[in-house]
Amino acid sequence: MVAVLGVDACTAGWVAVELRDARFAGARLATDVRSLLREAGEARSGGGGVEVVAVDMPLGLLDTGWRRAEAEAAALLGRLRGSVFRVPPHAVWQEEHYEAANRRCRELTGAGLSRQSWGLAVKLREANGCLADAGADRLFEVHPEVSFWALAGKTPLPHRKKSWAGQMARRSLLEAAGVVLPDELGDVGRVPPDDVLDAAAAAWSAQRIAQGRAQPLPDPPQYDSRGRAVAIWY
């Protein structure tokens, strides 16, 4: 039996959807990514088999230039390309305030940093802080809209994820792939539906990673200064 987790950021912290042998096995909230990674390690050592933790957050930052992953993802998503935010070099994220980060971004890339990208700062730092932890080899980056693009036969979805039509389409795509989300999710049911769907899509990609079937954007990946692949997997 293979278990994987798909994880998405939400206002409560992080929401995780677990699959076991590619089927829904539970959903839960966590205050931080590190606790999910630690639980995955404990489950693995105890025979639980959590092989992959796939997170909707940029993992791996470059020393110079923009990451190619976001440019390639945006090119695939058509009218939904706005869901992808460009990720600047590592030094930009070391700044404490947006104004300083924007200046540093211009110095390093020749272009400014969007407010939307800076909105990722706290959780981006948190997730990247886990890359040196034990078990970080099972931590992978995904982007739910890229996962849904793949689920839809590599076709961009026509409706945005916060719309009724968009959420119904995404749930249907997951169900067609065997990921059936129950109507009742306990505490997770208080999380915005698009975050739950995103976590489920991340879990679908995590399953593909565990099976050796996932593909990276870009292909081949870029690599950070630690030699870790910098890519969105789907």
C-alpha atoms as a PDB file:
ATOM      1  CA  MET A   1       0.000   0.000   0.000  1.00  0.00           C
ATOM      2  CA  VAL A   2       1.290   3.437  -0.942  1.00  0.00           C
ATOM      3  CA  ALA A   3       0.154   6.565   0.885  1.00  0.00           C
ATOM      4  CA  VAL A   4       0.732  10.122  -0.267  1.00  0.00           C
ATOM      5  CA  LEU A   5      -0.255  13.591   0.904  1.00  0.00           C
ATOM      6  CA  GLY A   6      -1.333  16.599  -1.128  1.00  0.00           C
ATOM      7  CA  VAL A   7      -0.978  19.876   0.743  1.00  0.00           C
ATOM      8  CA  ASP A   8      -2.331  23.364   0.076  1.00  0.00           C
ATOM      9  CA  ALA A   9      -1.973  26.577   2.053  1.00  0.00           C
ATOM     10  CA  CYS A  10      -5.140  27.971   3.616  1.00  0.00           C
ATOM     11  CA  THR A  11      -6.063  30.629   6.163  1.00  0.00           C
ATOM     12  CA  ALA A  12      -6.032  28.006   8.952  1.00  0.00           C
ATOM     13  CA  GLY A  13      -2.503  26.937   8.015  1.00  0.00           C
ATOM     14  CA  TRP A  14      -2.335  23.989   5.638  1.00  0.00           C
ATOM     15  CA  VAL A  15      -4.921  21.479   4.456  1.00  0.00           C
ATOM     16  CA  ALA A  16      -3.774  17.970   3.551  1.00  0.00           C
ATOM     17  CA  VAL A  17      -5.576  15.265   1.587  1.00  0.00           C
ATOM     18  CA  GLU A  18      -4.279  11.723   1.940  1.00  0.00           C
ATOM     19  CA  LEU A  19      -4.558   9.014  -0.698  1.00  0.00           C
ATOM     20  CA  ARG A  20      -3.865   5.343  -0.100  1.00  0.00           C
ATOM     21  CA  ASP A  21      -3.411   3.286  -3.227  1.00  0.00           C
ATOM     22  CA  ALA A  22      -4.727   6.275  -5.200  1.00  0.00           C
ATOM     23  CA  ARG A  23      -8.004   6.471  -3.248  1.00  0.00           C
ATOM     24  CA  PHE A  24      -9.159   9.090  -0.729  1.00  0.00           C
ATOM     25  CA  ALA A  25      -8.116   8.101   2.789  1.00  0.00           C
ATOM     26  CA  GLY A  26      -8.670  11.273   4.802  1.00  0.00           C
ATOM     27  CA  ALA A  27      -8.170  14.999   5.101  1.00  0.00           C
ATOM     28  CA  ARG A  28      -6.788  17.088   7.923  1.00  0.00           C
ATOM     29  CA  LEU A  29      -5.542  20.514   8.913  1.00  0.00           C
ATOM     30  CA  ALA A  30      -2.022  21.306  10.074  1.00  0.00           C
ATOM     31  CA  THR A  31      -0.451  24.450  11.450  1.00  0.00           C
ATOM     32  CA  ASP A  32       2.819  23.902   9.574  1.00  0.00           C
ATOM     33  CA  VAL A  33       4.396  21.825   6.815  1.00  0.00           C
ATOM     34  CA  ARG A  34       7.111  20.492   9.107  1.00  0.00           C
ATOM     35  CA  SER A  35       4.567  18.635  11.243  1.00  0.00           C
ATOM     36  CA  LEU A  36       3.116  16.972   8.135  1.00  0.00           C
ATOM     37  CA  LEU A  37       6.574  15.955   6.967  1.00  0.00           C
ATOM     38  CA  ARG A  38       7.400  14.606  10.418  1.00  0.00           C
ATOM     39  CA  GLU A  39       4.148  12.617  10.529  1.00  0.00           C
ATOM     40  CA  ALA A  40       4.913  11.222   7.084  1.00  0.00           C
ATOM     41  CA  GLY A  41       8.316  10.074   8.316  1.00  0.00           C
ATOM     42  CA  GLU A  42       6.829   8.450  11.399  1.00  0.00           C
ATOM     43  CA  ALA A  43       4.236   6.669   9.297  1.00  0.00           C
ATOM     44  CA  ARG A  44       6.919   5.428   6.909  1.00  0.00           C
ATOM     45  CA  SER A  45       9.116   4.099   9.721  1.00  0.00           C
ATOM     46  CA  GLY A  46       6.071   2.401  11.202  1.00  0.00           C
ATOM     47  CA  GLY A  47       5.148   0.742   7.923  1.00  0.00           C
ATOM     48  CA  GLY A  48       2.492   3.289   6.982  1.00  0.00           C
ATOM     49  CA  GLY A  49       4.178   4.005   3.687  1.00  0.00           C
ATOM     50  CA  VAL A  50       3.781   7.780   3.218  1.00  0.00           C
ATOM     51  CA  GLU A  51       6.046   8.104   0.213  1.00  0.00           C
ATOM     52  CA  VAL A  52       5.408  11.620  -1.083  1.00  0.00           C
ATOM     53  CA  VAL A  53       4.269  14.945   0.367  1.00  0.00           C
ATOM     54  CA  ALA A  54       3.326  17.235  -2.537  1.00  0.00           C
ATOM     55  CA  VAL A  55       2.935  20.905  -1.631  1.00  0.00           C
ATOM     56  CA  ASP A  56       1.400  23.759  -3.588  1.00  0.00           C
ATOM     57  CA  MET A  57       4.251  26.146  -2.885  1.00  0.00           C
ATOM     58  CA  PRO A  58       7.488  26.999  -4.711  1.00  0.00           C
ATOM     59  CA  LEU A  59      10.248  24.739  -3.388  1.00  0.00           C
ATOM     60  CA  GLY A  60      13.823  25.548  -4.315  1.00  0.00           C
ATOM     61  CA  LEU A  61      14.989  29.083  -5.086  1.00  0.00           C
ATOM     62  CA  LEU A  62      17.621  30.179  -7.566  1.00  0.00           C
ATOM     63  CA  ASP A  63      20.518  32.532  -6.892  1.00  0.00           C
ATOM     64  CA  THR A  64      19.844  34.563 -10.046  1.00  0.00           C
ATOM     65  CA  GLY A  65      16.965  35.054 -12.451  1.00  0.00           C
ATOM     66  CA  TRP A  66      13.366  33.930 -12.446  1.00  0.00           C
ATOM     67  CA  ARG A  67      12.481  30.263 -12.156  1.00  0.00           C
ATOM     68  CA  ARG A  68      11.446  28.708 -15.470  1.00  0.00           C
ATOM     69  CA  ALA A  69       8.773  26.530 -13.835  1.00  0.00           C
ATOM     70  CA  GLU A  70       6.274  29.362 -13.514  1.00  0.00           C
ATOM     71  CA  ALA A  71       6.804  30.628 -17.061  1.00  0.00           C
ATOM     72  CA  GLU A  72       6.166  27.178 -18.489  1.00  0.00           C
ATOM     73  CA  ALA A  73       3.151  26.564 -16.255  1.00  0.00           C
ATOM     74  CA  ALA A  74       1.601  29.900 -17.236  1.00  0.00           C
ATOM     75  CA  ALA A  75       2.065  29.086 -20.920  1.00  0.00           C
ATOM     76  CA  LEU A  76      -0.002  25.906 -20.475  1.00  0.00           C
ATOM     77  CA  LEU A  77      -2.898  27.383 -18.527  1.00  0.00           C
ATOM     78  CA  GLY A  78      -4.369  29.875 -20.978  1.00  0.00           C
ATOM     79  CA  ARG A  79      -6.820  32.242 -19.300  1.00  0.00           C
ATOM     80  CA  LEU A  80      -5.928  30.731 -15.907  1.00  0.00           C
ATOM     81  CA  ARG A  81      -2.290  31.804 -16.209  1.00  0.00           C
ATOM     82  CA  GLY A  82      -2.966  34.449 -13.547  1.00  0.00           C
ATOM     83  CA  SER A  83      -2.940  31.663 -10.942  1.00  0.00           C
ATOM     84  CA  VAL A  84       0.831  31.375 -11.450  1.00  0.00           C
ATOM     85  CA  PHE A  85       3.089  33.949  -9.767  1.00  0.00           C
ATOM     86  CA  ARG A  86       6.675  34.444 -10.886  1.00  0.00           C
ATOM     87  CA  VAL A  87       9.278  33.429  -8.292  1.00  0.00           C
ATOM     88  CA  PRO A  88      12.407  35.621  -8.029  1.00  0.00           C
ATOM     89  CA  PRO A  89      15.840  34.694  -6.610  1.00  0.00           C
ATOM     90  CA  HIS A  90      16.498  33.565  -3.057  1.00  0.00           C
ATOM     91  CA  ALA A  91      17.846  36.940  -1.877  1.00  0.00           C
ATOM     92  CA  VAL A  92      14.525  38.667  -2.572  1.00  0.00           C
ATOM     93  CA  TRP A  93      12.765  36.467  -0.016  1.00  0.00           C
ATOM     94  CA  GLN A  94      15.266  37.407   2.678  1.00  0.00           C
ATOM     95  CA  GLU A  95      13.871  40.934   2.831  1.00  0.00           C
ATOM     96  CA  GLU A  96      11.387  41.696   5.584  1.00  0.00           C
ATOM     97  CA  HIS A  97       9.122  44.130   3.755  1.00  0.00           C
ATOM     98  CA  TYR A  98       7.617  44.345   0.294  1.00  0.00           C
ATOM     99  CA  GLU A  99       9.266  47.634  -0.642  1.00  0.00           C
ATOM    100  CA  ALA A 100      12.754  46.274   0.058  1.00  0.00           C
ATOM    101  CA  ALA A 101      11.959  42.995  -1.678  1.00  0.00           C
ATOM    102  CA  ASN A 102      10.689  44.863  -4.725  1.00  0.00           C
ATOM    103  CA  ARG A 103      13.895  46.912  -4.908  1.00  0.00           C
ATOM    104  CA  ARG A 104      16.060  43.814  -4.567  1.00  0.00           C
ATOM    105  CA  CYS A 105      14.020  42.050  -7.229  1.00  0.00           C
ATOM    106  CA  ARG A 106      14.625  44.925  -9.669  1.00  0.00           C
ATOM    107  CA  GLU A 107      18.339  44.838  -8.894  1.00  0.00           C
ATOM    108  CA  LEU A 108      18.591  41.113  -9.561  1.00  0.00           C
ATOM    109  CA  THR A 109      16.125  40.609 -12.417  1.00  0.00           C
ATOM    110  CA  GLY A 110      15.441  44.010 -13.942  1.00  0.00           C
ATOM    111  CA  ALA A 111      11.739  43.688 -13.078  1.00  0.00           C
ATOM    112  CA  GLY A 112       9.638  44.354 -10.013  1.00  0.00           C
ATOM    113  CA  LEU A 113       7.958  41.893  -7.670  1.00  0.00           C
ATOM    114  CA  SER A 114       4.172  41.638  -7.730  1.00  0.00           C
ATOM    115  CA  ARG A 115       2.195  42.024  -4.524  1.00  0.00           C
ATOM    116  CA  GLN A 116       0.624  38.624  -5.240  1.00  0.00           C
ATOM    117  CA  SER A 117       4.027  36.962  -5.326  1.00  0.00           C
ATOM    118  CA  TRP A 118       5.065  38.686  -2.097  1.00  0.00           C
ATOM    119  CA  GLY A 119       1.884  37.387  -0.512  1.00  0.00           C
ATOM    120  CA  LEU A 120       3.486  33.936  -0.594  1.00  0.00           C
ATOM    121  CA  ALA A 121       6.484  35.062   1.466  1.00  0.00           C
ATOM    122  CA  VAL A 122       5.619  33.700   4.919  1.00  0.00           C
ATOM    123  CA  LYS A 123       4.527  30.258   3.779  1.00  0.00           C
ATOM    124  CA  LEU A 124       7.159  30.062   1.052  1.00  0.00           C
ATOM    125  CA  ARG A 125       9.877  30.602   3.658  1.00  0.00           C
ATOM    126  CA  GLU A 126       8.238  28.043   5.929  1.00  0.00           C
ATOM    127  CA  ALA A 127       8.037  25.362   3.246  1.00  0.00           C
ATOM    128  CA  ASN A 128      11.566  25.993   1.971  1.00  0.00           C
ATOM    129  CA  GLY A 129      12.842  25.826   5.530  1.00  0.00           C
ATOM    130  CA  CYS A 130      11.879  22.138   5.488  1.00  0.00           C
ATOM    131  CA  LEU A 131      14.197  21.285   2.602  1.00  0.00           C
ATOM    132  CA  ALA A 132      17.101  20.658   4.977  1.00  0.00           C
ATOM    133  CA  ASP A 133      15.024  18.445   7.284  1.00  0.00           C
ATOM    134  CA  ALA A 134      15.196  14.691   7.537  1.00  0.00           C
ATOM    135  CA  GLY A 135      12.783  13.215   5.033  1.00  0.00           C
ATOM    136  CA  ALA A 136      12.894  16.219   2.706  1.00  0.00           C
ATOM    137  CA  ASP A 137      13.520  13.804  -0.159  1.00  0.00           C
ATOM    138  CA  ARG A 138       9.801  13.018  -0.110  1.00  0.00           C
ATOM    139  CA  LEU A 139       8.799  16.696  -0.373  1.00  0.00           C
ATOM    140  CA  PHE A 140       7.825  17.835  -3.882  1.00  0.00           C
ATOM    141  CA  GLU A 141       6.388  20.991  -5.421  1.00  0.00           C
ATOM    142  CA  VAL A 142       3.134  20.894  -7.368  1.00  0.00           C
ATOM    143  CA  HIS A 143       0.688  23.451  -8.731  1.00  0.00           C
ATOM    144  CA  PRO A 144      -2.987  22.393  -8.594  1.00  0.00           C
ATOM    145  CA  GLU A 145      -3.967  24.181 -11.799  1.00  0.00           C
ATOM    146  CA  VAL A 146      -1.229  22.295 -13.631  1.00  0.00           C
ATOM    147  CA  SER A 147      -2.520  19.074 -12.049  1.00  0.00           C
ATOM    148  CA  PHE A 148      -6.064  19.866 -13.192  1.00  0.00           C
ATOM    149  CA  TRP A 149      -4.713  20.741 -16.651  1.00  0.00           C
ATOM    150  CA  ALA A 150      -3.197  17.251 -16.782  1.00  0.00           C
ATOM    151  CA  LEU A 151      -6.384  15.646 -15.428  1.00  0.00           C
ATOM    152  CA  ALA A 152      -8.345  17.373 -18.197  1.00  0.00           C
ATOM    153  CA  GLY A 153      -6.201  15.812 -20.901  1.00  0.00           C
ATOM    154  CA  LYS A 154      -3.669  18.644 -20.918  1.00  0.00           C
ATOM    155  CA  THR A 155      -6.368  21.199 -21.621  1.00  0.00           C
ATOM    156  CA  PRO A 156      -6.871  24.441 -19.633  1.00  0.00           C
ATOM    157  CA  LEU A 157     -10.093  24.499 -17.630  1.00  0.00           C
ATOM    158  CA  PRO A 158     -12.643  27.097 -18.779  1.00  0.00           C
ATOM    159  CA  HIS A 159     -13.803  28.187 -15.315  1.00  0.00           C
ATOM    160  CA  ARG A 160     -11.893  29.630 -12.381  1.00  0.00           C
ATOM    161  CA  LYS A 161     -11.565  27.599  -9.224  1.00  0.00           C
ATOM    162  CA  LYS A 162     -13.661  29.853  -7.008  1.00  0.00           C
ATOM    163  CA  SER A 163     -16.711  29.680  -9.293  1.00  0.00           C
ATOM    164  CA  TRP A 164     -19.444  27.057  -8.868  1.00  0.00           C
ATOM    165  CA  ALA A 165     -18.830  25.683 -12.365  1.00  0.00           C
ATOM    166  CA  GLY A 166     -15.099  25.612 -11.734  1.00  0.00           C
ATOM    167  CA  GLN A 167     -15.423  23.695  -8.478  1.00  0.00           C
ATOM    168  CA  MET A 168     -17.868  21.179  -9.935  1.00  0.00           C
ATOM    169  CA  ALA A 169     -15.569  20.594 -12.915  1.00  0.00           C
ATOM    170  CA  ARG A 170     -12.555  20.070 -10.667  1.00  0.00           C
ATOM    171  CA  ARG A 171     -14.394  17.675  -8.374  1.00  0.00           C
ATOM    172  CA  SER A 172     -15.615  15.705 -11.398  1.00  0.00           C
ATOM    173  CA  LEU A 173     -12.096  15.441 -12.816  1.00  0.00           C
ATOM    174  CA  LEU A 174     -10.825  14.116  -9.498  1.00  0.00           C
ATOM    175  CA  GLU A 175     -13.662  11.593  -9.276  1.00  0.00           C
ATOM    176  CA  ALA A 176     -12.946  10.375 -12.806  1.00  0.00           C
ATOM    177  CA  ALA A 177      -9.371   9.729 -11.663  1.00  0.00           C
ATOM    178  CA  GLY A 178     -10.581   7.765  -8.625  1.00  0.00           C
ATOM    179  CA  VAL A 179     -10.151  10.542  -6.051  1.00  0.00           C
ATOM    180  CA  VAL A 180     -13.641  10.797  -4.565  1.00  0.00           C
ATOM    181  CA  LEU A 181     -13.995  13.473  -1.901  1.00  0.00           C
ATOM    182  CA  PRO A 182     -16.778  12.802   0.625  1.00  0.00           C
ATOM    183  CA  ASP A 183     -19.463  15.374   1.299  1.00  0.00           C
ATOM    184  CA  GLU A 184     -18.526  15.484   4.995  1.00  0.00           C
ATOM    185  CA  LEU A 185     -14.949  16.357   5.904  1.00  0.00           C
ATOM    186  CA  GLY A 186     -15.187  17.318   9.573  1.00  0.00           C
ATOM    187  CA  ASP A 187     -13.006  20.301  10.476  1.00  0.00           C
ATOM    188  CA  VAL A 188     -11.640  20.398   6.932  1.00  0.00           C
ATOM    189  CA  GLY A 189     -15.165  21.182   5.760  1.00  0.00           C
ATOM    190  CA  ARG A 190     -14.705  24.705   7.117  1.00  0.00           C
ATOM    191  CA  VAL A 191     -11.825  25.327   4.710  1.00  0.00           C
ATOM    192  CA  PRO A 192     -12.741  27.099   1.443  1.00  0.00           C
ATOM    193  CA  PRO A 193     -13.722  24.406  -1.098  1.00  0.00           C
ATOM    194  CA  ASP A 194     -11.122  25.502  -3.639  1.00  0.00           C
ATOM    195  CA  ASP A 195      -8.346  24.866  -1.095  1.00  0.00           C
ATOM    196  CA  VAL A 196      -9.642  21.335  -0.456  1.00  0.00           C
ATOM    197  CA  LEU A 197      -9.849  20.658  -4.190  1.00  0.00           C
ATOM    198  CA  ASP A 198      -6.336  22.024  -4.647  1.00  0.00           C
ATOM    199  CA  ALA A 199      -5.013  19.708  -1.924  1.00  0.00           C
ATOM    200  CA  ALA A 200      -6.755  16.765  -3.586  1.00  0.00           C
ATOM    201  CA  ALA A 201      -5.213  17.667  -6.952  1.00  0.00           C
ATOM    202  CA  ALA A 202      -1.831  17.903  -5.241  1.00  0.00           C
ATOM    203  CA  ALA A 203      -2.425  14.421  -3.817  1.00  0.00           C
ATOM    204  CA  TRP A 204      -3.214  13.111  -7.312  1.00  0.00           C
ATOM    205  CA  SER A 205       0.124  14.446  -8.522  1.00  0.00           C
ATOM    206  CA  ALA A 206       1.805  13.012  -5.415  1.00  0.00           C
ATOM    207  CA  GLN A 207       0.478   9.591  -6.384  1.00  0.00           C
ATOM    208  CA  ARG A 208       1.982   9.984  -9.854  1.00  0.00           C
ATOM    209  CA  ILE A 209       5.304  10.996  -8.303  1.00  0.00           C
ATOM    210  CA  ALA A 210       5.251   7.904  -6.072  1.00  0.00           C
ATOM    211  CA  GLN A 211       4.535   5.733  -9.118  1.00  0.00           C
ATOM    212  CA  GLY A 212       7.343   7.290 -11.142  1.00  0.00           C
ATOM    213  CA  ARG A 213       4.846   8.649 -13.679  1.00  0.00           C
ATOM    214  CA  ALA A 214       5.033  12.379 -12.926  1.00  0.00           C
ATOM    215  CA  GLN A 215       6.600  14.893 -15.273  1.00  0.00           C
ATOM    216  CA  PRO A 216       8.408  18.125 -14.340  1.00  0.00           C
ATOM    217  CA  LEU A 217       8.063  21.685 -15.553  1.00  0.00           C
ATOM    218  CA  PRO A 218      10.577  22.511 -16.906  1.00  0.00           C
ATOM    219  CA  ASP A 219      11.808  19.228 -18.347  1.00  0.00           C
ATOM    220  CA  PRO A 220      14.633  18.757 -17.523  1.00  0.00           C
ATOM    221  CA  PRO A 221      14.363  20.690 -14.250  1.00  0.00           C
ATOM    222  CA  GLN A 222      16.532  23.553 -13.130  1.00  0.00           C
ATOM    223  CA  TYR A 223      18.646  22.968 -10.005  1.00  0.00           C
ATOM    224  CA  ASP A 224      19.285  25.137  -6.977  1.00  0.00           C
ATOM    225  CA  SER A 225      22.632  25.660  -5.243  1.00  0.00           C
ATOM    226  CA  ARG A 226      22.071  22.491  -3.168  1.00  0.00           C
ATOM    227  CA  GLY A 227      21.620  20.394  -6.293  1.00  0.00           C
ATOM    228  CA  ARG A 228      17.903  19.956  -5.681  1.00  0.00           C
ATOM    229  CA  ALA A 229      15.567  19.886  -8.686  1.00  0.00           C
ATOM    230  CA  VAL A 230      13.527  23.082  -9.055  1.00  0.00           C
ATOM    231  CA  ALA A 231      10.350  22.118 -10.871  1.00  0.00           C
ATOM    232  CA  ILE A 232       6.575  21.830 -10.717  1.00  0.00           C
ATOM    233  CA  TRP A 233       5.593  18.154 -10.881  1.00  0.00           C
ATOM    234  CA  TYR A 234       2.316  16.878 -12.308  1.00  0.00           C
END
